[in-house]
Amino acid sequence: MLDYLQVFADWVTYSILGLLQGSPLASSVNFFIYDSIKVTLMLAVIVFGVAIVRTYITPQRVKKWVAGRTEGVGNVVAALLGVPTPFCSCSAVPLFIGFVESGVPLGITFSFLIASPLINEIAVAMLFAMFGWQIALIYIVSGLVIAIIAGIIIGRLHLESEVEEFVYKCKLHDLAEKAMSWKDRLTFAKGESRDITLKVLPYILIGIAIGAIIHGYAPADFLATIAGPNNPLAVPIAVLIGIPLYSNAAGMIPIMEVLTAKGMAMGTALAFMMAVIGLSLPEMIILRKVIKLKLILIFAGIMFVAITMTGYLFNALLG
């Protein structure tokens, strides 16, 4: 199928538009056409499959499954449940309150809150589409490890006093769960696939457009010099640059694809994307509503170290 997509992209670029093969503009346009179609199709299919799984993993069930778990086991369960239960920054506060209200330990709560935005169907689908299943699997495993370890560390620091007092007094009432037939689940999955794909499509197209420009016009050795494997400070610099940015996987992964093609080490690119998605300043600002500044700084520090070490590790493994 991918071969047919490439043939179509070549036909549009060189026959319909009449662009000169090998020129920067032709290279950019060809990249944009091919990746836009490929990523959109794969995203729609994978979101559909994940949506089926999500019909079995409701927020009410997640809280029940993690409540009462011991450290370690609870962190693993919470991180795994975070993968098919994505949330955006705006839903971080009610989720946090709901976990605390249910008696879920703080460290286990953070394992879920880290894994949920960091590892989601959009990130996995786009990484699989652009880099293959090996890189997608590496990202999933590294994200889970970060969520589990960071949650355990936060739990052992006993920072419950750094949660705003009103959180412990909140009483959120869960809505009754509706029994779903297979027809209901398929209908839900079709709707989710359509809605999520259309929702992130602008980010996909913007990210691919930026990536296409870099692909066609940036000098081949530009990033290899400043962010390649030979620069020992490339990973922490990439993480620091990523923190104030606000984007999601849909916008980041197309750019990441071109950055690696231009010479950025894969581990550095993964660390950059993790920082943008899992350590973004907007999310920290929103979480400040329910946790105090000390816990915010500790959380950010742990995440910075974990993401940086992950970048170095995968630079060493992937070369």
Protein backbone atom coordinates (compact mmCIF):
# COMPACT_ATOMS: atom_id res chain seq x y z
CA MET A 1 0.00 0.00 0.00
CA LEU A 2 2.82 2.39 0.88
CA ASP A 3 4.33 1.82 -2.57
CA TYR A 4 1.04 2.92 -4.17
CA LEU A 5 1.01 6.01 -1.98
CA GLN A 6 4.53 6.88 -3.13
CA VAL A 7 3.54 6.39 -6.76
CA PHE A 8 0.54 8.69 -6.21
CA ALA A 9 2.70 11.33 -4.49
CA ASP A 10 5.22 11.17 -7.34
CA TRP A 11 2.44 11.46 -9.94
CA VAL A 12 0.94 14.55 -8.28
CA THR A 13 4.33 16.18 -7.67
CA TYR A 14 6.00 15.60 -11.01
CA SER A 15 3.16 15.01 -13.51
CA ILE A 16 0.27 17.12 -12.23
CA LEU A 17 2.24 19.98 -10.65
CA GLY A 18 5.17 19.65 -13.04
CA LEU A 19 7.82 20.26 -10.39
CA LEU A 20 11.45 19.55 -11.17
CA GLN A 21 12.57 16.26 -9.66
CA GLY A 22 15.36 16.78 -7.13
CA SER A 23 14.52 20.42 -6.44
CA PRO A 24 13.90 21.52 -2.83
CA LEU A 25 10.29 22.49 -3.61
CA ALA A 26 9.53 19.16 -5.28
CA SER A 27 11.09 17.28 -2.38
CA SER A 28 8.98 19.24 0.13
CA VAL A 29 5.73 18.82 -1.80
CA ASN A 30 6.31 15.09 -2.36
CA PHE A 31 7.04 14.59 1.34
CA PHE A 32 3.90 16.49 2.34
CA ILE A 33 1.56 14.56 0.04
CA TYR A 34 2.93 11.13 0.94
CA ASP A 35 3.10 11.61 4.71
CA SER A 36 -0.26 13.40 4.99
CA ILE A 37 -2.14 10.48 3.43
CA LYS A 38 -0.10 7.75 5.14
CA VAL A 39 -0.34 9.17 8.65
CA THR A 40 -4.03 10.06 8.40
CA LEU A 41 -5.02 6.56 7.25
CA MET A 42 -2.95 4.77 9.88
CA LEU A 43 -4.16 7.10 12.62
CA ALA A 44 -7.82 6.44 11.76
CA VAL A 45 -7.31 2.65 11.84
CA ILE A 46 -5.35 2.58 15.10
CA VAL A 47 -7.69 5.01 16.89
CA PHE A 48 -10.59 2.75 15.90
CA GLY A 49 -8.88 -0.27 17.50
CA VAL A 50 -7.94 1.61 20.66
CA ALA A 51 -11.48 2.99 20.94
CA ILE A 52 -12.80 -0.58 21.13
CA VAL A 53 -10.41 -1.22 24.04
CA ARG A 54 -11.49 2.01 25.72
CA THR A 55 -15.11 0.85 25.88
CA TYR A 56 -13.91 -1.68 28.47
CA ILE A 57 -11.66 0.76 30.37
CA THR A 58 -13.85 3.56 31.70
CA PRO A 59 -12.65 6.20 34.22
CA GLN A 60 -14.79 4.54 36.91
CA ARG A 61 -13.16 1.16 36.31
CA VAL A 62 -9.69 2.69 36.21
CA LYS A 63 -10.18 4.20 39.67
CA LYS A 64 -11.50 0.90 41.01
CA TRP A 65 -8.60 -1.07 39.56
CA VAL A 66 -5.88 1.18 40.97
CA ALA A 67 -7.51 1.91 44.35
CA GLY A 68 -6.06 -0.20 47.16
CA ARG A 69 -3.02 -1.29 45.15
CA THR A 70 0.36 -1.42 46.84
CA GLU A 71 3.37 0.55 45.67
CA GLY A 72 5.04 -0.96 42.65
CA VAL A 73 2.13 -3.08 41.53
CA GLY A 74 -0.17 -0.08 41.68
CA ASN A 75 2.26 2.07 39.70
CA VAL A 76 2.56 -0.58 36.97
CA VAL A 77 -1.23 -1.02 36.77
CA ALA A 78 -1.81 2.75 36.72
CA ALA A 79 0.78 3.32 33.98
CA LEU A 80 -0.63 0.50 31.83
CA LEU A 81 -4.17 1.82 32.26
CA GLY A 82 -2.96 5.28 31.27
CA VAL A 83 -2.04 4.09 27.77
CA PRO A 84 -5.59 3.49 26.43
CA THR A 85 -7.06 6.29 28.57
CA PRO A 86 -5.67 9.51 27.07
CA PHE A 87 -6.48 12.88 28.54
CA CYS A 88 -5.63 16.42 27.59
CA SER A 89 -4.28 19.10 29.90
CA CYS A 90 -7.76 20.47 30.58
CA SER A 91 -8.90 17.15 32.09
CA ALA A 92 -5.86 16.74 34.36
CA VAL A 93 -7.50 18.51 37.32
CA PRO A 94 -10.75 16.49 37.50
CA LEU A 95 -8.83 13.26 36.99
CA PHE A 96 -6.39 14.14 39.75
CA ILE A 97 -9.22 15.04 42.14
CA GLY A 98 -11.10 11.86 41.26
CA PHE A 99 -8.09 9.66 42.02
CA VAL A 100 -7.30 11.35 45.31
CA GLU A 101 -10.96 11.26 46.34
CA SER A 102 -11.02 7.51 45.63
CA GLY A 103 -8.09 6.95 47.98
CA VAL A 104 -5.51 6.26 45.27
CA PRO A 105 -2.00 6.97 46.64
CA LEU A 106 -0.29 10.07 45.27
CA GLY A 107 2.56 8.17 43.59
CA ILE A 108 0.18 5.82 41.79
CA THR A 109 -1.92 8.80 40.70
CA PHE A 110 1.14 10.40 39.12
CA SER A 111 2.05 7.18 37.29
CA PHE A 112 -1.34 7.37 35.58
CA LEU A 113 -1.14 11.12 34.93
CA ILE A 114 2.31 10.75 33.33
CA ALA A 115 1.51 7.72 31.15
CA SER A 116 -1.86 8.95 29.93
CA PRO A 117 -0.77 11.97 27.83
CA LEU A 118 2.73 10.65 27.11
CA ILE A 119 1.68 7.32 25.57
CA ASN A 120 -1.51 7.52 23.55
CA GLU A 121 -2.94 6.12 20.35
CA ILE A 122 -1.99 9.21 18.34
CA ALA A 123 1.68 8.99 19.34
CA VAL A 124 1.84 5.24 18.77
CA ALA A 125 0.02 5.40 15.41
CA MET A 126 2.21 8.17 14.04
CA LEU A 127 5.46 6.67 15.32
CA PHE A 128 4.49 3.34 13.77
CA ALA A 129 3.59 5.03 10.48
CA MET A 130 6.80 7.04 10.24
CA PHE A 131 9.46 4.98 12.01
CA GLY A 132 8.17 1.40 12.18
CA TRP A 133 7.03 -0.83 15.03
CA GLN A 134 10.47 -1.02 16.70
CA ILE A 135 10.66 2.72 17.44
CA ALA A 136 6.98 2.78 18.43
CA LEU A 137 7.62 -0.07 20.89
CA ILE A 138 10.71 1.67 22.28
CA TYR A 139 8.65 4.79 22.89
CA ILE A 140 5.88 2.84 24.65
CA VAL A 141 8.29 0.93 26.90
CA SER A 142 10.36 4.01 27.79
CA GLY A 143 7.21 6.01 28.54
CA LEU A 144 5.91 3.27 30.83
CA VAL A 145 9.24 3.02 32.65
CA ILE A 146 9.32 6.80 33.20
CA ALA A 147 5.73 6.81 34.50
CA ILE A 148 6.33 3.89 36.87
CA ILE A 149 9.65 5.09 38.29
CA ALA A 150 8.57 8.73 38.62
CA GLY A 151 5.39 7.63 40.40
CA ILE A 152 7.32 5.41 42.83
CA ILE A 153 9.76 8.23 43.64
CA ILE A 154 6.94 10.73 44.24
CA GLY A 155 5.14 8.18 46.41
CA ARG A 156 8.19 7.55 48.58
CA LEU A 157 8.75 11.26 49.14
CA HIS A 158 5.41 11.42 51.03
CA LEU A 159 4.30 14.69 49.50
CA GLU A 160 0.61 14.44 50.35
CA SER A 161 0.86 17.75 52.24
CA GLU A 162 1.81 19.42 48.94
CA VAL A 163 -1.64 18.75 47.53
CA GLU A 164 -4.07 21.64 47.96
CA GLU A 165 -6.37 20.99 50.94
CA PHE A 166 -9.61 21.43 49.01
CA VAL A 167 -8.75 18.37 46.88
CA TYR A 168 -9.19 16.05 49.87
CA LYS A 169 -12.61 17.57 50.59
CA CYS A 170 -13.97 17.20 47.06
CA LYS A 171 -16.67 14.64 46.43
CA LEU A 172 -17.05 13.72 42.79
CA HIS A 173 -19.88 11.37 41.88
CA ASP A 174 -19.33 8.82 39.13
CA LEU A 175 -22.02 8.43 36.53
CA ALA A 176 -23.57 5.00 36.18
CA GLU A 177 -21.85 2.88 33.55
CA LYS A 178 -23.94 1.89 30.57
CA ALA A 179 -23.81 -1.69 29.34
CA MET A 180 -22.62 -1.79 25.71
CA SER A 181 -23.29 -4.34 23.01
CA TRP A 182 -20.79 -5.05 20.25
CA LYS A 183 -22.86 -2.86 17.95
CA ASP A 184 -22.58 -0.02 20.49
CA ARG A 185 -18.82 -0.53 20.76
CA LEU A 186 -18.34 -0.48 16.98
CA THR A 187 -20.50 2.63 16.66
CA PHE A 188 -18.48 4.33 19.42
CA ALA A 189 -15.18 3.31 17.79
CA LYS A 190 -16.26 4.64 14.39
CA GLY A 191 -17.26 7.94 15.97
CA GLU A 192 -14.02 8.20 17.95
CA SER A 193 -11.92 7.38 14.89
CA ARG A 194 -13.70 10.06 12.85
CA ASP A 195 -13.76 12.71 15.60
CA ILE A 196 -10.18 12.27 16.85
CA THR A 197 -8.72 12.05 13.34
CA LEU A 198 -10.53 15.23 12.26
CA LYS A 199 -9.61 16.95 15.54
CA VAL A 200 -5.87 16.33 15.17
CA LEU A 201 -5.76 16.61 11.37
CA PRO A 202 -4.83 20.33 11.45
CA TYR A 203 -1.91 19.53 13.79
CA ILE A 204 -0.87 16.69 11.49
CA LEU A 205 -0.91 18.90 8.41
CA ILE A 206 0.91 21.78 10.14
CA GLY A 207 3.53 19.41 11.54
CA ILE A 208 4.04 17.70 8.18
CA ALA A 209 4.21 21.07 6.41
CA ILE A 210 6.95 22.26 8.78
CA GLY A 211 8.70 18.94 8.38
CA ALA A 212 8.39 19.17 4.60
CA ILE A 213 10.04 22.59 4.56
CA ILE A 214 12.91 21.33 6.71
CA HIS A 215 13.11 18.21 4.54
CA GLY A 216 13.43 20.17 1.34
CA TYR A 217 15.44 23.20 2.37
CA ALA A 218 17.53 22.55 5.49
CA PRO A 219 21.18 21.66 4.79
CA ALA A 220 21.87 17.97 5.27
CA ASP A 221 24.49 18.53 7.99
CA PHE A 222 22.65 21.34 9.79
CA LEU A 223 21.22 19.34 12.70
CA ALA A 224 23.94 16.71 12.67
CA THR A 225 26.32 19.41 13.89
CA ILE A 226 24.25 20.86 16.74
CA ALA A 227 22.01 17.94 17.75
CA GLY A 228 23.76 14.85 16.48
CA PRO A 229 25.16 12.02 18.62
CA ASN A 230 28.54 13.76 18.91
CA ASN A 231 27.16 16.66 20.96
CA PRO A 232 27.00 15.52 24.62
CA LEU A 233 24.63 18.35 25.61
CA ALA A 234 22.15 17.80 22.77
CA VAL A 235 19.67 15.78 24.86
CA PRO A 236 19.22 18.15 27.86
CA ILE A 237 19.12 21.15 25.51
CA ALA A 238 16.38 19.46 23.46
CA VAL A 239 14.40 18.71 26.64
CA LEU A 240 14.72 22.32 27.88
CA ILE A 241 13.57 23.64 24.50
CA GLY A 242 10.58 21.29 24.54
CA ILE A 243 9.24 22.27 27.98
CA PRO A 244 7.72 25.69 27.09
CA LEU A 245 6.26 24.42 23.82
CA TYR A 246 2.64 23.33 23.59
CA SER A 247 1.77 20.65 21.08
CA ASN A 248 0.75 17.03 20.84
CA ALA A 249 2.06 13.99 19.04
CA ALA A 250 0.13 14.91 15.90
CA GLY A 251 2.15 18.08 15.49
CA MET A 252 5.46 16.83 16.84
CA ILE A 253 6.11 13.48 15.16
CA PRO A 254 6.19 14.75 11.53
CA ILE A 255 8.77 17.33 12.63
CA MET A 256 10.66 14.66 14.55
CA GLU A 257 10.79 12.48 11.42
CA VAL A 258 12.55 15.19 9.45
CA LEU A 259 14.85 16.19 12.31
CA THR A 260 16.17 12.63 12.53
CA ALA A 261 16.50 12.45 8.74
CA LYS A 262 18.59 15.62 8.86
CA GLY A 263 20.96 14.26 11.49
CA MET A 264 19.35 14.60 14.93
CA ALA A 265 20.01 11.48 16.98
CA MET A 266 16.88 9.37 17.56
CA GLY A 267 17.22 9.44 21.34
CA THR A 268 17.49 13.23 21.30
CA ALA A 269 14.40 13.49 19.10
CA LEU A 270 12.43 11.13 21.36
CA ALA A 271 13.46 13.13 24.43
CA PHE A 272 12.42 16.37 22.73
CA MET A 273 8.97 14.94 21.92
CA MET A 274 8.52 13.52 25.42
CA ALA A 275 9.31 16.92 26.92
CA VAL A 276 6.75 18.66 24.71
CA ILE A 277 4.02 16.10 25.42
CA GLY A 278 4.72 15.02 29.00
CA LEU A 279 6.47 18.00 30.58
CA SER A 280 4.78 20.96 28.94
CA LEU A 281 4.53 24.26 30.79
CA PRO A 282 0.75 24.61 30.11
CA GLU A 283 0.07 21.31 31.87
CA MET A 284 2.19 22.42 34.85
CA ILE A 285 0.16 25.63 35.08
CA ILE A 286 -3.11 23.68 35.07
CA LEU A 287 -1.88 21.17 37.68
CA ARG A 288 -0.89 24.11 39.89
CA LYS A 289 -4.60 24.45 40.67
CA VAL A 290 -4.53 21.24 42.71
CA ILE A 291 -0.91 20.82 43.85
CA LYS A 292 1.54 23.23 45.43
CA LEU A 293 4.62 24.70 43.78
CA LYS A 294 7.04 22.41 45.63
CA LEU A 295 5.40 19.29 44.22
CA ILE A 296 5.24 20.86 40.75
CA LEU A 297 9.00 21.52 40.85
CA ILE A 298 9.79 18.03 42.18
CA PHE A 299 7.59 16.45 39.50
CA ALA A 300 9.20 18.57 36.76
CA GLY A 301 12.70 17.77 38.04
CA ILE A 302 12.08 14.02 38.13
CA MET A 303 10.59 14.12 34.63
CA PHE A 304 13.48 16.20 33.28
CA VAL A 305 16.07 13.75 34.61
CA ALA A 306 14.10 10.69 33.48
CA ILE A 307 13.50 12.00 29.95
CA THR A 308 17.12 13.15 29.59
CA MET A 309 18.46 9.77 30.72
CA THR A 310 16.07 8.04 28.32
CA GLY A 311 17.40 10.16 25.46
CA TYR A 312 21.01 9.30 26.31
CA LEU A 313 20.15 5.60 26.68
CA PHE A 314 18.48 5.34 23.29
CA ASN A 315 21.20 7.36 21.61
CA ALA A 316 23.63 4.73 22.91
CA LEU A 317 21.41 1.82 21.87
CA LEU A 318 20.33 3.13 18.48
CA GLY A 319 23.62 4.73 17.53
